[in-house]
C-alpha atoms as a PDB file:
ATOM      1  CA  MET A   1      61.359 162.246  29.848  1.00  0.00           C
ATOM      2  CA  THR A   2      63.368 165.361  30.988  1.00  0.00           C
ATOM      3  CA  LYS A   3      64.026 168.057  28.571  1.00  0.00           C
ATOM      4  CA  LYS A   4      67.000 170.814  28.116  1.00  0.00           C
ATOM      5  CA  TYR A   5      67.557 173.718  26.026  1.00  0.00           C
ATOM      6  CA  VAL A   6      70.272 173.336  23.553  1.00  0.00           C
ATOM      7  CA  ASP A   7      70.983 176.544  21.248  1.00  0.00           C
ATOM      8  CA  GLY A   8      67.338 177.704  22.080  1.00  0.00           C
ATOM      9  CA  VAL A   9      65.803 174.278  21.171  1.00  0.00           C
ATOM     10  CA  LEU A  10      64.050 171.977  23.652  1.00  0.00           C
ATOM     11  CA  VAL A  11      65.379 168.553  23.415  1.00  0.00           C
ATOM     12  CA  ASP A  12      65.202 165.382  25.376  1.00  0.00           C
ATOM     13  CA  LEU A  13      68.082 164.286  27.911  1.00  0.00           C
ATOM     14  CA  THR A  14      70.087 161.525  26.788  1.00  0.00           C
ATOM     15  CA  THR A  15      69.843 158.178  28.753  1.00  0.00           C
ATOM     16  CA  GLU A  16      73.257 159.145  30.479  1.00  0.00           C
ATOM     17  CA  GLU A  17      72.170 162.737  31.177  1.00  0.00           C
ATOM     18  CA  GLU A  18      68.815 161.596  32.660  1.00  0.00           C
ATOM     19  CA  ASN A  19      70.667 158.880  34.887  1.00  0.00           C
ATOM     20  CA  PHE A  20      73.098 161.515  35.921  1.00  0.00           C
ATOM     21  CA  ARG A  21      70.137 163.879  36.950  1.00  0.00           C
ATOM     22  CA  ASN A  22      68.307 161.214  38.722  1.00  0.00           C
ATOM     23  CA  GLN A  23      71.437 160.364  40.740  1.00  0.00           C
ATOM     24  CA  GLU A  24      71.889 164.101  41.723  1.00  0.00           C
ATOM     25  CA  ILE A  25      68.260 164.300  42.680  1.00  0.00           C
ATOM     26  CA  ALA A  26      68.652 161.194  44.895  1.00  0.00           C
ATOM     27  CA  GLU A  27      71.556 162.545  46.548  1.00  0.00           C
ATOM     28  CA  HIS A  28      70.113 165.975  46.997  1.00  0.00           C
ATOM     29  CA  ASN A  29      67.045 164.061  48.867  1.00  0.00           C
ATOM     30  CA  ALA A  30      69.318 161.932  50.718  1.00  0.00           C
ATOM     31  CA  ASN A  31      71.151 164.880  52.478  1.00  0.00           C
ATOM     32  CA  ALA A  32      67.791 166.838  52.961  1.00  0.00           C
ATOM     33  CA  LEU A  33      67.761 165.725  56.730  1.00  0.00           C
ATOM     34  CA  ASN A  34      71.336 166.812  57.361  1.00  0.00           C
ATOM     35  CA  ARG A  35      70.588 170.265  55.691  1.00  0.00           C
ATOM     36  CA  ALA A  36      67.419 170.569  57.880  1.00  0.00           C
ATOM     37  CA  LEU A  37      69.504 169.463  61.113  1.00  0.00           C
ATOM     38  CA  ASP A  38      72.291 171.940  60.174  1.00  0.00           C
ATOM     39  CA  ILE A  39      69.605 174.832  59.990  1.00  0.00           C
ATOM     40  CA  LEU A  40      68.132 173.896  63.242  1.00  0.00           C
ATOM     41  CA  ARG A  41      71.614 173.893  64.883  1.00  0.00           C
ATOM     42  CA  GLN A  42      72.382 177.436  63.444  1.00  0.00           C
ATOM     43  CA  LYS A  43      69.212 178.740  64.978  1.00  0.00           C
ATOM     44  CA  ARG A  44      70.136 177.019  68.242  1.00  0.00           C
ATOM     45  CA  LYS A  45      73.670 178.326  68.462  1.00  0.00           C
ATOM     46  CA  PRO A  46      72.788 182.001  69.227  1.00  0.00           C
ATOM     47  CA  LEU A  47      70.357 181.010  72.120  1.00  0.00           C
ATOM     48  CA  LEU A  48      72.944 178.978  73.711  1.00  0.00           C
ATOM     49  CA  LEU A  49      75.489 181.821  73.379  1.00  0.00           C
ATOM     50  CA  GLN A  50      73.191 184.305  74.820  1.00  0.00           C
ATOM     51  CA  SER A  51      72.492 182.112  77.740  1.00  0.00           C
ATOM     52  CA  ASP A  52      76.139 181.305  78.490  1.00  0.00           C
ATOM     53  CA  TRP A  53      76.407 183.940  81.302  1.00  0.00           C
ATOM     54  CA  THR A  54      73.788 181.820  83.322  1.00  0.00           C
ATOM     55  CA  ASP A  55      76.387 178.948  83.941  1.00  0.00           C
ATOM     56  CA  LEU A  56      78.940 181.177  85.390  1.00  0.00           C
ATOM     57  CA  PRO A  57      79.523 180.705  89.106  1.00  0.00           C
ATOM     58  CA  ASN A  58      79.126 184.447  89.820  1.00  0.00           C
ATOM     59  CA  ALA A  59      75.956 184.751  87.764  1.00  0.00           C
ATOM     60  CA  PRO A  60      73.347 186.880  89.781  1.00  0.00           C
ATOM     61  CA  LEU A  61      70.684 184.108  89.780  1.00  0.00           C
ATOM     62  CA  THR A  62      68.978 182.310  92.648  1.00  0.00           C
ATOM     63  CA  ASP A  63      69.617 178.414  92.811  1.00  0.00           C
ATOM     64  CA  GLU A  64      66.277 177.964  91.607  1.00  0.00           C
ATOM     65  CA  LYS A  65      66.837 180.359  88.397  1.00  0.00           C
ATOM     66  CA  LYS A  66      70.072 178.664  87.858  1.00  0.00           C
ATOM     67  CA  SER A  67      68.344 175.360  87.713  1.00  0.00           C
ATOM     68  CA  GLU A  68      65.812 176.617  85.413  1.00  0.00           C
ATOM     69  CA  TRP A  69      68.412 177.954  82.898  1.00  0.00           C
ATOM     70  CA  GLN A  70      70.400 174.645  83.193  1.00  0.00           C
ATOM     71  CA  THR A  71      67.137 172.939  82.221  1.00  0.00           C
ATOM     72  CA  TYR A  72      66.609 175.276  79.316  1.00  0.00           C
ATOM     73  CA  ARG A  73      70.247 174.885  78.162  1.00  0.00           C
ATOM     74  CA  THR A  74      69.989 171.116  78.212  1.00  0.00           C
ATOM     75  CA  ASN A  75      66.706 171.169  76.407  1.00  0.00           C
ATOM     76  CA  LEU A  76      68.454 173.128  73.577  1.00  0.00           C
ATOM     77  CA  ARG A  77      71.457 170.881  73.366  1.00  0.00           C
ATOM     78  CA  ASN A  78      69.208 167.939  73.194  1.00  0.00           C
ATOM     79  CA  ILE A  79      66.786 169.423  70.625  1.00  0.00           C
ATOM     80  CA  THR A  80      68.262 167.363  67.632  1.00  0.00           C
ATOM     81  CA  ASN A  81      68.150 163.887  69.518  1.00  0.00           C
ATOM     82  CA  GLY A  82      65.762 161.463  68.065  1.00  0.00           C
ATOM     83  CA  LEU A  83      65.086 163.553  64.883  1.00  0.00           C
ATOM     84  CA  THR A  84      64.908 161.162  61.885  1.00  0.00           C
ATOM     85  CA  THR A  85      62.814 162.949  59.265  1.00  0.00           C
ATOM     86  CA  VAL A  86      62.837 166.643  57.813  1.00  0.00           C
ATOM     87  CA  GLU A  87      59.278 166.917  58.821  1.00  0.00           C
ATOM     88  CA  GLN A  88      60.251 166.274  62.488  1.00  0.00           C
ATOM     89  CA  VAL A  89      62.994 168.842  62.283  1.00  0.00           C
ATOM     90  CA  GLU A  90      60.555 171.357  60.833  1.00  0.00           C
ATOM     91  CA  ALA A  91      58.220 170.740  63.623  1.00  0.00           C
ATOM     92  CA  VAL A  92      60.649 171.399  66.416  1.00  0.00           C
ATOM     93  CA  GLU A  93      59.580 174.102  68.923  1.00  0.00           C
ATOM     94  CA  PHE A  94      62.379 175.799  70.855  1.00  0.00           C
ATOM     95  CA  PRO A  95      61.909 176.035  74.608  1.00  0.00           C
ATOM     96  CA  GLU A  96      60.969 179.024  76.450  1.00  0.00           C
ATOM     97  CA  LYS A  97      63.665 181.211  78.331  1.00  0.00           C
ATOM     98  CA  PRO A  98      63.129 181.147  82.032  1.00  0.00           C
END
């Protein structure tokens, strides 16, 4: 049974308190994937912003380099596709810049 302090004394949670706590834990765990994906997207966003210039029509890049950058940016945008577990999200490796 889970305990709590009340006026400096360690006491058991009531059944209602225990049920509420278990529900909160279950909700927290259920949202773990969404939180992990949000963190991954936050890491991805600056990489996309830093490479926006490569998509400009007057970017000083050869057609080959433009293609490499387009592939890089596509891989960044698709990095969350198919991820269904927190472990998969944490194992993601970002592509290298061309």
